[in-house]
């Protein structure tokens, strides 16, 4: 999952944290900011965070696309093996749960 995906998923939390930070700063410095100022400043902060994370993700993908050292990754059933060769014995590990008899009563 990309960083910007996490930011978008938690956009409301980040927005409320920015508002709380501005209010806390106002209390610490003894100033009282208007609602419009808090709204505008917190929105600008969230937009800057979102643009920064999008730029970070794009630069990471561009760096990955231009690099020659691609790490192999294999995912099966929600388990990802990073840096493991596709036909490696480590990627063939299977986990099985012991079967309980169906007619057991406690």
PDB file of N, CA and C in Angstrom:
ATOM      1  N   UNK A   1       0.855  -1.165   0.000  1.00  0.00           N
ATOM      2  CA  UNK A   1       0.000   0.000   0.000  1.00  0.00           C
ATOM      3  C   UNK A   1       0.902   1.229   0.000  1.00  0.00           C
ATOM      4  N   UNK A   2       0.541   2.167  -0.829  1.00  0.00           N
ATOM      5  CA  UNK A   2       1.320   3.385  -0.931  1.00  0.00           C
ATOM      6  C   UNK A   2       1.035   4.308   0.259  1.00  0.00           C
ATOM      7  N   UNK A   3       1.966   5.201   0.510  1.00  0.00           N
ATOM      8  CA  UNK A   3       1.809   6.133   1.629  1.00  0.00           C
ATOM      9  C   UNK A   3       0.602   7.027   1.411  1.00  0.00           C
ATOM     10  N   UNK A   4       0.402   7.486   0.179  1.00  0.00           N
ATOM     11  CA  UNK A   4      -0.731   8.374  -0.091  1.00  0.00           C
ATOM     12  C   UNK A   4      -2.060   7.662   0.129  1.00  0.00           C
ATOM     13  N   UNK A   5      -2.107   6.352  -0.066  1.00  0.00           N
ATOM     14  CA  UNK A   5      -3.326   5.598   0.208  1.00  0.00           C
ATOM     15  C   UNK A   5      -3.650   5.641   1.701  1.00  0.00           C
ATOM     16  N   UNK A   6      -2.629   5.537   2.528  1.00  0.00           N
ATOM     17  CA  UNK A   6      -2.831   5.618   3.974  1.00  0.00           C
ATOM     18  C   UNK A   6      -3.293   7.011   4.386  1.00  0.00           C
ATOM     19  N   UNK A   7      -2.730   8.025   3.745  1.00  0.00           N
ATOM     20  CA  UNK A   7      -3.123   9.403   4.056  1.00  0.00           C
ATOM     21  C   UNK A   7      -4.580   9.633   3.671  1.00  0.00           C
ATOM     22  N   UNK A   8      -4.975   9.165   2.492  1.00  0.00           N
ATOM     23  CA  UNK A   8      -6.359   9.346   2.055  1.00  0.00           C
ATOM     24  C   UNK A   8      -7.309   8.576   2.964  1.00  0.00           C
ATOM     25  N   UNK A   9      -6.902   7.402   3.402  1.00  0.00           N
ATOM     26  CA  UNK A   9      -7.760   6.603   4.285  1.00  0.00           C
ATOM     27  C   UNK A   9      -7.955   7.284   5.641  1.00  0.00           C
ATOM     28  N   UNK A  10      -6.969   8.059   6.078  1.00  0.00           N
ATOM     29  CA  UNK A  10      -7.032   8.715   7.379  1.00  0.00           C
ATOM     30  C   UNK A  10      -7.162  10.227   7.251  1.00  0.00           C
ATOM     31  N   UNK A  11      -7.761  10.687   6.172  1.00  0.00           N
ATOM     32  CA  UNK A  11      -7.857  12.117   5.896  1.00  0.00           C
ATOM     33  C   UNK A  11      -8.607  12.873   6.987  1.00  0.00           C
ATOM     34  N   UNK A  12      -9.696  12.334   7.459  1.00  0.00           N
ATOM     35  CA  UNK A  12     -10.477  12.999   8.505  1.00  0.00           C
ATOM     36  C   UNK A  12      -9.669  13.121   9.793  1.00  0.00           C
ATOM     37  N   UNK A  13      -8.969  12.063  10.158  1.00  0.00           N
ATOM     38  CA  UNK A  13      -8.150  12.088  11.363  1.00  0.00           C
ATOM     39  C   UNK A  13      -7.038  13.124  11.245  1.00  0.00           C
ATOM     40  N   UNK A  14      -6.396  13.179  10.095  1.00  0.00           N
ATOM     41  CA  UNK A  14      -5.326  14.156   9.881  1.00  0.00           C
ATOM     42  C   UNK A  14      -5.889  15.574   9.928  1.00  0.00           C
ATOM     43  N   UNK A  15      -7.048  15.762   9.330  1.00  0.00           N
ATOM     44  CA  UNK A  15      -7.694  17.077   9.321  1.00  0.00           C
ATOM     45  C   UNK A  15      -8.029  17.526  10.746  1.00  0.00           C
ATOM     46  N   UNK A  16      -8.608  16.628  11.535  1.00  0.00           N
ATOM     47  CA  UNK A  16      -8.942  16.965  12.923  1.00  0.00           C
ATOM     48  C   UNK A  16      -7.687  17.196  13.766  1.00  0.00           C
ATOM     49  N   UNK A  17      -6.630  16.449  13.497  1.00  0.00           N
ATOM     50  CA  UNK A  17      -5.367  16.648  14.218  1.00  0.00           C
ATOM     51  C   UNK A  17      -4.766  18.013  13.880  1.00  0.00           C
ATOM     52  N   UNK A  18      -4.900  18.438  12.613  1.00  0.00           N
ATOM     53  CA  UNK A  18      -4.394  19.759  12.225  1.00  0.00           C
ATOM     54  C   UNK A  18      -5.184  20.862  12.927  1.00  0.00           C
ATOM     55  N   UNK A  19      -6.487  20.712  13.006  1.00  0.00           N
ATOM     56  CA  UNK A  19      -7.321  21.703  13.713  1.00  0.00           C
ATOM     57  C   UNK A  19      -6.938  21.750  15.189  1.00  0.00           C
ATOM     58  N   UNK A  20      -6.767  20.572  15.807  1.00  0.00           N
ATOM     59  CA  UNK A  20      -6.392  20.516  17.219  1.00  0.00           C
ATOM     60  C   UNK A  20      -5.019  21.136  17.451  1.00  0.00           C
ATOM     61  N   UNK A  21      -4.084  20.924  16.529  1.00  0.00           N
ATOM     62  CA  UNK A  21      -2.747  21.492  16.666  1.00  0.00           C
ATOM     63  C   UNK A  21      -2.794  23.016  16.580  1.00  0.00           C
ATOM     64  N   UNK A  22      -3.604  23.546  15.675  1.00  0.00           N
ATOM     65  CA  UNK A  22      -3.729  25.006  15.546  1.00  0.00           C
ATOM     66  C   UNK A  22      -4.374  25.584  16.805  1.00  0.00           C
ATOM     67  N   UNK A  23      -5.406  24.924  17.299  1.00  0.00           N
ATOM     68  CA  UNK A  23      -6.056  25.386  18.530  1.00  0.00           C
ATOM     69  C   UNK A  23      -5.098  25.313  19.727  1.00  0.00           C
ATOM     70  N   UNK A  24      -4.325  24.246  19.829  1.00  0.00           N
ATOM     71  CA  UNK A  24      -3.360  24.100  20.921  1.00  0.00           C
ATOM     72  C   UNK A  24      -2.277  25.167  20.833  1.00  0.00           C
ATOM     73  N   UNK A  25      -1.835  25.461  19.619  1.00  0.00           N
ATOM     74  CA  UNK A  25      -0.850  26.520  19.436  1.00  0.00           C
ATOM     75  C   UNK A  25      -1.427  27.869  19.879  1.00  0.00           C
ATOM     76  N   UNK A  26      -2.679  28.109  19.537  1.00  0.00           N
ATOM     77  CA  UNK A  26      -3.340  29.342  19.955  1.00  0.00           C
ATOM     78  C   UNK A  26      -3.436  29.453  21.465  1.00  0.00           C
ATOM     79  N   UNK A  27      -3.760  28.350  22.127  1.00  0.00           N
ATOM     80  CA  UNK A  27      -3.833  28.354  23.585  1.00  0.00           C
ATOM     81  C   UNK A  27      -2.453  28.554  24.216  1.00  0.00           C
ATOM     82  N   UNK A  28      -1.433  27.941  23.638  1.00  0.00           N
ATOM     83  CA  UNK A  28      -0.080  28.042  24.188  1.00  0.00           C
ATOM     84  C   UNK A  28       0.475  29.455  24.046  1.00  0.00           C
ATOM     85  N   UNK A  29       0.118  30.129  22.963  1.00  0.00           N
ATOM     86  CA  UNK A  29       0.647  31.480  22.739  1.00  0.00           C
ATOM     87  C   UNK A  29      -0.288  32.560  23.247  1.00  0.00           C
ATOM     88  N   UNK A  30      -1.473  32.169  23.707  1.00  0.00           N
ATOM     89  CA  UNK A  30      -2.420  33.146  24.232  1.00  0.00           C
ATOM     90  C   UNK A  30      -3.178  33.901  23.154  1.00  0.00           C
ATOM     91  N   UNK A  31      -3.245  33.353  21.974  1.00  0.00           N
ATOM     92  CA  UNK A  31      -3.966  33.995  20.879  1.00  0.00           C
ATOM     93  C   UNK A  31      -5.281  33.274  20.639  1.00  0.00           C
ATOM     94  N   UNK A  32      -6.204  33.987  20.027  1.00  0.00           N
ATOM     95  CA  UNK A  32      -7.490  33.394  19.667  1.00  0.00           C
ATOM     96  C   UNK A  32      -7.660  33.534  18.161  1.00  0.00           C
ATOM     97  N   UNK A  33      -7.680  32.411  17.482  1.00  0.00           N
ATOM     98  CA  UNK A  33      -7.826  32.424  16.033  1.00  0.00           C
ATOM     99  C   UNK A  33      -9.287  32.272  15.662  1.00  0.00           C
ATOM    100  N   UNK A  34      -9.688  32.931  14.583  1.00  0.00           N
ATOM    101  CA  UNK A  34     -11.077  32.834  14.128  1.00  0.00           C
ATOM    102  C   UNK A  34     -11.310  31.475  13.476  1.00  0.00           C
ATOM    103  N   UNK A  35     -12.576  31.108  13.381  1.00  0.00           N
ATOM    104  CA  UNK A  35     -12.928  29.816  12.777  1.00  0.00           C
ATOM    105  C   UNK A  35     -12.511  29.738  11.324  1.00  0.00           C
ATOM    106  N   UNK A  36     -12.636  30.839  10.603  1.00  0.00           N
ATOM    107  CA  UNK A  36     -12.244  30.862   9.195  1.00  0.00           C
ATOM    108  C   UNK A  36     -10.752  30.645   9.016  1.00  0.00           C
ATOM    109  N   UNK A  37      -9.964  31.272   9.892  1.00  0.00           N
ATOM    110  CA  UNK A  37      -8.516  31.097   9.822  1.00  0.00           C
ATOM    111  C   UNK A  37      -8.129  29.652  10.112  1.00  0.00           C
ATOM    112  N   UNK A  38      -8.737  29.072  11.142  1.00  0.00           N
ATOM    113  CA  UNK A  38      -8.437  27.680  11.501  1.00  0.00           C
ATOM    114  C   UNK A  38      -8.834  26.749  10.357  1.00  0.00           C
ATOM    115  N   UNK A  39      -9.980  26.988   9.772  1.00  0.00           N
ATOM    116  CA  UNK A  39     -10.455  26.167   8.658  1.00  0.00           C
ATOM    117  C   UNK A  39      -9.513  26.270   7.460  1.00  0.00           C
ATOM    118  N   UNK A  40      -9.129  27.490   7.113  1.00  0.00           N
ATOM    119  CA  UNK A  40      -8.254  27.713   5.960  1.00  0.00           C
ATOM    120  C   UNK A  40      -6.866  27.121   6.205  1.00  0.00           C
ATOM    121  N   UNK A  41      -6.310  27.349   7.381  1.00  0.00           N
ATOM    122  CA  UNK A  41      -4.968  26.861   7.687  1.00  0.00           C
ATOM    123  C   UNK A  41      -4.920  25.335   7.771  1.00  0.00           C
ATOM    124  N   UNK A  42      -5.915  24.734   8.395  1.00  0.00           N
ATOM    125  CA  UNK A  42      -5.917  23.269   8.504  1.00  0.00           C
ATOM    126  C   UNK A  42      -6.134  22.621   7.137  1.00  0.00           C
ATOM    127  N   UNK A  43      -6.978  23.224   6.317  1.00  0.00           N
ATOM    128  CA  UNK A  43      -7.177  22.693   4.961  1.00  0.00           C
ATOM    129  C   UNK A  43      -5.891  22.793   4.153  1.00  0.00           C
ATOM    130  N   UNK A  44      -5.198  23.923   4.257  1.00  0.00           N
ATOM    131  CA  UNK A  44      -3.930  24.087   3.541  1.00  0.00           C
ATOM    132  C   UNK A  44      -2.901  23.065   4.015  1.00  0.00           C
ATOM    133  N   UNK A  45      -2.856  22.812   5.326  1.00  0.00           N
ATOM    134  CA  UNK A  45      -1.900  21.836   5.865  1.00  0.00           C
ATOM    135  C   UNK A  45      -2.198  20.430   5.343  1.00  0.00           C
ATOM    136  N   UNK A  46      -3.470  20.055   5.323  1.00  0.00           N
ATOM    137  CA  UNK A  46      -3.843  18.717   4.842  1.00  0.00           C
ATOM    138  C   UNK A  46      -3.546  18.585   3.352  1.00  0.00           C
ATOM    139  N   UNK A  47      -3.814  19.630   2.583  1.00  0.00           N
ATOM    140  CA  UNK A  47      -3.524  19.598   1.143  1.00  0.00           C
ATOM    141  C   UNK A  47      -2.019  19.462   0.913  1.00  0.00           C
ATOM    142  N   UNK A  48      -1.220  20.183   1.680  1.00  0.00           N
ATOM    143  CA  UNK A  48       0.234  20.066   1.544  1.00  0.00           C
ATOM    144  C   UNK A  48       0.721  18.670   1.913  1.00  0.00           C
ATOM    145  N   UNK A  49       0.153  18.084   2.949  1.00  0.00           N
ATOM    146  CA  UNK A  49       0.524  16.712   3.335  1.00  0.00           C
ATOM    147  C   UNK A  49       0.158  15.742   2.224  1.00  0.00           C
ATOM    148  N   UNK A  50      -1.030  15.897   1.660  1.00  0.00           N
ATOM    149  CA  UNK A  50      -1.470  14.998   0.587  1.00  0.00           C
ATOM    150  C   UNK A  50      -0.605  15.148  -0.657  1.00  0.00           C
ATOM    151  N   UNK A  51      -0.292  16.373  -1.048  1.00  0.00           N
ATOM    152  CA  UNK A  51       0.572  16.598  -2.214  1.00  0.00           C
ATOM    153  C   UNK A  51       1.968  16.035  -1.958  1.00  0.00           C
ATOM    154  N   UNK A  52       2.475  16.222  -0.741  1.00  0.00           N
ATOM    155  CA  UNK A  52       3.790  15.673  -0.400  1.00  0.00           C
ATOM    156  C   UNK A  52       3.834  14.166  -0.479  1.00  0.00           C
ATOM    157  N   UNK A  53       2.802  13.501   0.025  1.00  0.00           N
ATOM    158  CA  UNK A  53       2.800  12.030  -0.024  1.00  0.00           C
ATOM    159  C   UNK A  53       2.601  11.520  -1.450  1.00  0.00           C
ATOM    160  N   UNK A  54       1.791  12.221  -2.240  1.00  0.00           N
ATOM    161  CA  UNK A  54       1.642  11.824  -3.643  1.00  0.00           C
ATOM    162  C   UNK A  54       2.965  11.973  -4.391  1.00  0.00           C
ATOM    163  N   UNK A  55       3.672  13.075  -4.151  1.00  0.00           N
ATOM    164  CA  UNK A  55       4.973  13.276  -4.797  1.00  0.00           C
ATOM    165  C   UNK A  55       5.971  12.207  -4.352  1.00  0.00           C
ATOM    166  N   UNK A  56       5.931  11.856  -3.073  1.00  0.00           N
ATOM    167  CA  UNK A  56       6.817  10.817  -2.555  1.00  0.00           C
ATOM    168  C   UNK A  56       6.538   9.479  -3.238  1.00  0.00           C
ATOM    169  N   UNK A  57       5.258   9.115  -3.350  1.00  0.00           N
ATOM    170  CA  UNK A  57       4.900   7.842  -3.986  1.00  0.00           C
ATOM    171  C   UNK A  57       5.305   7.813  -5.458  1.00  0.00           C
ATOM    172  N   UNK A  58       5.079   8.915  -6.164  1.00  0.00           N
ATOM    173  CA  UNK A  58       5.438   8.968  -7.582  1.00  0.00           C
ATOM    174  C   UNK A  58       6.949   8.865  -7.745  1.00  0.00           C
ATOM    175  N   UNK A  59       7.707   9.553  -6.890  1.00  0.00           N
ATOM    176  CA  UNK A  59       9.166   9.480  -7.003  1.00  0.00           C
ATOM    177  C   UNK A  59       9.676   8.081  -6.677  1.00  0.00           C
ATOM    178  N   UNK A  60       9.055   7.407  -5.698  1.00  0.00           N
ATOM    179  CA  UNK A  60       9.454   6.032  -5.388  1.00  0.00           C
ATOM    180  C   UNK A  60       9.175   5.091  -6.550  1.00  0.00           C
ATOM    181  N   UNK A  61       7.993   5.251  -7.172  1.00  0.00           N
ATOM    182  CA  UNK A  61       7.662   4.389  -8.313  1.00  0.00           C
ATOM    183  C   UNK A  61       8.567   4.673  -9.500  1.00  0.00           C
ATOM    184  N   UNK A  62       8.900   5.953  -9.721  1.00  0.00           N
ATOM    185  CA  UNK A  62       9.804   6.295 -10.820  1.00  0.00           C
ATOM    186  C   UNK A  62      11.198   5.745 -10.563  1.00  0.00           C
ATOM    187  N   UNK A  63      11.656   5.848  -9.328  1.00  0.00           N
ATOM    188  CA  UNK A  63      12.968   5.304  -8.983  1.00  0.00           C
ATOM    189  C   UNK A  63      12.985   3.798  -9.172  1.00  0.00           C
ATOM    190  N   UNK A  64      11.913   3.137  -8.772  1.00  0.00           N
ATOM    191  CA  UNK A  64      11.820   1.686  -8.939  1.00  0.00           C
ATOM    192  C   UNK A  64      11.800   1.306 -10.417  1.00  0.00           C
ATOM    193  N   UNK A  65      11.059   2.078 -11.221  1.00  0.00           N
ATOM    194  CA  UNK A  65      10.955   1.774 -12.646  1.00  0.00           C
ATOM    195  C   UNK A  65      12.286   1.989 -13.363  1.00  0.00           C
ATOM    196  N   UNK A  66      13.072   2.959 -12.910  1.00  0.00           N
ATOM    197  CA  UNK A  66      14.334   3.261 -13.572  1.00  0.00           C
ATOM    198  C   UNK A  66      15.500   2.442 -13.042  1.00  0.00           C
ATOM    199  N   UNK A  67      15.345   1.844 -11.868  1.00  0.00           N
ATOM    200  CA  UNK A  67      16.442   1.052 -11.309  1.00  0.00           C
ATOM    201  C   UNK A  67      16.487  -0.310 -11.969  1.00  0.00           C
ATOM    202  N   UNK A  68      17.644  -0.911 -11.901  1.00  0.00           N
ATOM    203  CA  UNK A  68      17.808  -2.237 -12.497  1.00  0.00           C
ATOM    204  C   UNK A  68      17.739  -3.349 -11.453  1.00  0.00           C
ATOM    205  N   UNK A  69      17.742  -2.975 -10.192  1.00  0.00           N
ATOM    206  CA  UNK A  69      17.709  -3.962  -9.105  1.00  0.00           C
ATOM    207  C   UNK A  69      16.290  -4.117  -8.604  1.00  0.00           C
ATOM    208  N   UNK A  70      15.512  -4.955  -9.251  1.00  0.00           N
ATOM    209  CA  UNK A  70      14.138  -5.209  -8.817  1.00  0.00           C
ATOM    210  C   UNK A  70      14.133  -6.408  -7.882  1.00  0.00           C
ATOM    211  N   UNK A  71      13.576  -6.231  -6.727  1.00  0.00           N
ATOM    212  CA  UNK A  71      13.478  -7.306  -5.747  1.00  0.00           C
ATOM    213  C   UNK A  71      12.262  -8.149  -6.105  1.00  0.00           C
ATOM    214  N   UNK A  72      12.475  -9.445  -6.153  1.00  0.00           N
ATOM    215  CA  UNK A  72      11.365 -10.336  -6.470  1.00  0.00           C
ATOM    216  C   UNK A  72      10.428 -10.441  -5.280  1.00  0.00           C
ATOM    217  N   UNK A  73       9.154 -10.435  -5.564  1.00  0.00           N
ATOM    218  CA  UNK A  73       8.156 -10.554  -4.510  1.00  0.00           C
ATOM    219  C   UNK A  73       7.062 -11.490  -5.005  1.00  0.00           C
ATOM    220  N   UNK A  74       6.697 -12.406  -4.162  1.00  0.00           N
ATOM    221  CA  UNK A  74       5.644 -13.327  -4.534  1.00  0.00           C
ATOM    222  C   UNK A  74       4.598 -13.327  -3.430  1.00  0.00           C
ATOM    223  N   UNK A  75       3.345 -13.193  -3.798  1.00  0.00           N
ATOM    224  CA  UNK A  75       2.271 -13.188  -2.812  1.00  0.00           C
ATOM    225  C   UNK A  75       1.275 -14.290  -3.153  1.00  0.00           C
ATOM    226  N   UNK A  76       0.929 -15.056  -2.149  1.00  0.00           N
ATOM    227  CA  UNK A  76      -0.111 -16.077  -2.306  1.00  0.00           C
ATOM    228  C   UNK A  76      -0.918 -16.124  -1.028  1.00  0.00           C
ATOM    229  N   UNK A  77      -2.207 -15.997  -1.153  1.00  0.00           N
ATOM    230  CA  UNK A  77      -3.085 -16.111  -0.001  1.00  0.00           C
ATOM    231  C   UNK A  77      -2.845 -15.054   1.057  1.00  0.00           C
ATOM    232  N   UNK A  78      -2.391 -13.876   0.641  1.00  0.00           N
ATOM    233  CA  UNK A  78      -2.164 -12.802   1.587  1.00  0.00           C
ATOM    234  C   UNK A  78      -0.806 -12.819   2.257  1.00  0.00           C
ATOM    235  N   UNK A  79       0.031 -13.820   1.946  1.00  0.00           N
ATOM    236  CA  UNK A  79       1.374 -13.887   2.506  1.00  0.00           C
ATOM    237  C   UNK A  79       2.351 -13.537   1.397  1.00  0.00           C
ATOM    238  N   UNK A  80       3.166 -12.504   1.621  1.00  0.00           N
ATOM    239  CA  UNK A  80       4.128 -12.063   0.615  1.00  0.00           C
ATOM    240  C   UNK A  80       5.536 -12.446   1.044  1.00  0.00           C
ATOM    241  N   UNK A  81       6.268 -12.987   0.103  1.00  0.00           N
ATOM    242  CA  UNK A  81       7.645 -13.372   0.334  1.00  0.00           C
ATOM    243  C   UNK A  81       8.515 -12.343  -0.386  1.00  0.00           C
ATOM    244  N   UNK A  82       9.194 -11.492   0.370  1.00  0.00           N
ATOM    245  CA  UNK A  82      10.019 -10.446  -0.211  1.00  0.00           C
ATOM    246  C   UNK A  82      11.431 -10.967  -0.431  1.00  0.00           C
ATOM    247  N   UNK A  83      11.911 -10.817  -1.652  1.00  0.00           N
ATOM    248  CA  UNK A  83      13.269 -11.204  -1.958  1.00  0.00           C
ATOM    249  C   UNK A  83      13.485 -12.696  -2.051  1.00  0.00           C
ATOM    250  N   UNK A  84      12.431 -13.477  -2.139  1.00  0.00           N
ATOM    251  CA  UNK A  84      12.544 -14.931  -2.240  1.00  0.00           C
ATOM    252  C   UNK A  84      12.347 -15.316  -3.691  1.00  0.00           C
ATOM    253  N   UNK A  85      13.193 -16.169  -4.180  1.00  0.00           N
ATOM    254  CA  UNK A  85      13.060 -16.629  -5.557  1.00  0.00           C
ATOM    255  C   UNK A  85      11.735 -17.364  -5.717  1.00  0.00           C
ATOM    256  N   UNK A  86      11.177 -17.298  -6.900  1.00  0.00           N
ATOM    257  CA  UNK A  86       9.850 -17.847  -7.137  1.00  0.00           C
ATOM    258  C   UNK A  86       9.797 -19.354  -6.936  1.00  0.00           C
ATOM    259  N   UNK A  87      10.849 -20.057  -7.250  1.00  0.00           N
ATOM    260  CA  UNK A  87      10.848 -21.516  -7.097  1.00  0.00           C
ATOM    261  C   UNK A  87      11.649 -21.957  -5.880  1.00  0.00           C
ATOM    262  N   UNK A  88      11.864 -21.060  -4.942  1.00  0.00           N
ATOM    263  CA  UNK A  88      12.616 -21.388  -3.741  1.00  0.00           C
ATOM    264  C   UNK A  88      11.811 -22.327  -2.847  1.00  0.00           C
ATOM    265  N   UNK A  89      12.513 -23.144  -2.084  1.00  0.00           N
ATOM    266  CA  UNK A  89      11.812 -24.061  -1.173  1.00  0.00           C
ATOM    267  C   UNK A  89      11.116 -23.277  -0.057  1.00  0.00           C
ATOM    268  N   UNK A  90      11.618 -22.094   0.283  1.00  0.00           N
ATOM    269  CA  UNK A  90      10.990 -21.285   1.329  1.00  0.00           C
ATOM    270  C   UNK A  90       9.629 -20.768   0.885  1.00  0.00           C
ATOM    271  N   UNK A  91       9.450 -20.618  -0.419  1.00  0.00           N
ATOM    272  CA  UNK A  91       8.163 -20.124  -0.902  1.00  0.00           C
ATOM    273  C   UNK A  91       7.139 -21.246  -1.050  1.00  0.00           C
ATOM    274  N   UNK A  92       7.567 -22.480  -0.807  1.00  0.00           N
ATOM    275  CA  UNK A  92       6.669 -23.613  -0.948  1.00  0.00           C
ATOM    276  C   UNK A  92       6.182 -24.143   0.402  1.00  0.00           C
ATOM    277  N   UNK A  93       6.458 -23.420   1.471  1.00  0.00           N
ATOM    278  CA  UNK A  93       6.075 -23.868   2.811  1.00  0.00           C
ATOM    279  C   UNK A  93       4.557 -23.858   2.923  1.00  0.00           C
ATOM    280  N   UNK A  94       3.996 -24.907   3.440  1.00  0.00           N
ATOM    281  CA  UNK A  94       2.550 -25.002   3.639  1.00  0.00           C
ATOM    282  C   UNK A  94       2.276 -25.213   5.124  1.00  0.00           C
ATOM    283  N   UNK A  95       1.290 -24.533   5.635  1.00  0.00           N
ATOM    284  CA  UNK A  95       0.899 -24.694   7.028  1.00  0.00           C
ATOM    285  C   UNK A  95      -0.456 -25.378   7.072  1.00  0.00           C
ATOM    286  N   UNK A  96      -0.572 -26.374   7.918  1.00  0.00           N
ATOM    287  CA  UNK A  96      -1.838 -27.075   8.068  1.00  0.00           C
ATOM    288  C   UNK A  96      -2.200 -27.124   9.542  1.00  0.00           C
ATOM    289  N   UNK A  97      -3.463 -26.877   9.825  1.00  0.00           N
ATOM    290  CA  UNK A  97      -3.956 -26.979  11.185  1.00  0.00           C
ATOM    291  C   UNK A  97      -4.376 -28.418  11.445  1.00  0.00           C
ATOM    292  N   UNK A  98      -4.136 -28.902  12.650  1.00  0.00           N
ATOM    293  CA  UNK A  98      -4.555 -30.279  12.942  1.00  0.00           C
ATOM    294  C   UNK A  98      -6.080 -30.377  12.895  1.00  0.00           C
ATOM    295  N   UNK A  99      -6.557 -31.473  12.325  1.00  0.00           N
ATOM    296  CA  UNK A  99      -7.990 -31.680  12.195  1.00  0.00           C
ATOM    297  C   UNK A  99      -8.530 -32.256  13.499  1.00  0.00           C
ATOM    298  N   UNK A 100      -9.660 -31.696  13.965  1.00  0.00           N
ATOM    299  CA  UNK A 100     -10.313 -32.225  15.162  1.00  0.00           C
ATOM    300  C   UNK A 100     -11.394 -33.217  14.727  1.00  0.00           C
ATOM    301  N   UNK A 101     -11.596 -34.243  15.514  1.00  0.00           N
ATOM    302  CA  UNK A 101     -12.691 -35.167  15.184  1.00  0.00           C
ATOM    303  C   UNK A 101     -14.016 -34.401  15.219  1.00  0.00           C
ATOM    304  N   UNK A 102     -14.919 -34.641  14.261  1.00  0.00           N
ATOM    305  CA  UNK A 102     -16.144 -33.860  14.162  1.00  0.00           C
ATOM    306  C   UNK A 102     -17.145 -34.097  15.277  1.00  0.00           C
ATOM    307  N   UNK A 103     -17.124 -35.240  15.965  1.00  0.00           N
ATOM    308  CA  UNK A 103     -18.136 -35.557  16.963  1.00  0.00           C
ATOM    309  C   UNK A 103     -17.620 -35.456  18.398  1.00  0.00           C
ATOM    310  N   UNK A 104     -16.800 -34.515  18.666  1.00  0.00           N
ATOM    311  CA  UNK A 104     -16.287 -34.330  20.031  1.00  0.00           C
ATOM    312  C   UNK A 104     -17.225 -33.433  20.801  1.00  0.00           C
ATOM    313  N   UNK A 105     -17.649 -33.859  21.973  1.00  0.00           N
ATOM    314  CA  UNK A 105     -18.499 -33.038  22.824  1.00  0.00           C
ATOM    315  C   UNK A 105     -17.776 -32.784  24.128  1.00  0.00           C
ATOM    316  N   UNK A 106     -17.793 -31.520  24.544  1.00  0.00           N
ATOM    317  CA  UNK A 106     -17.125 -31.194  25.805  1.00  0.00           C
ATOM    318  C   UNK A 106     -18.108 -31.068  26.916  1.00  0.00           C
TER     319      UNK A 106
END
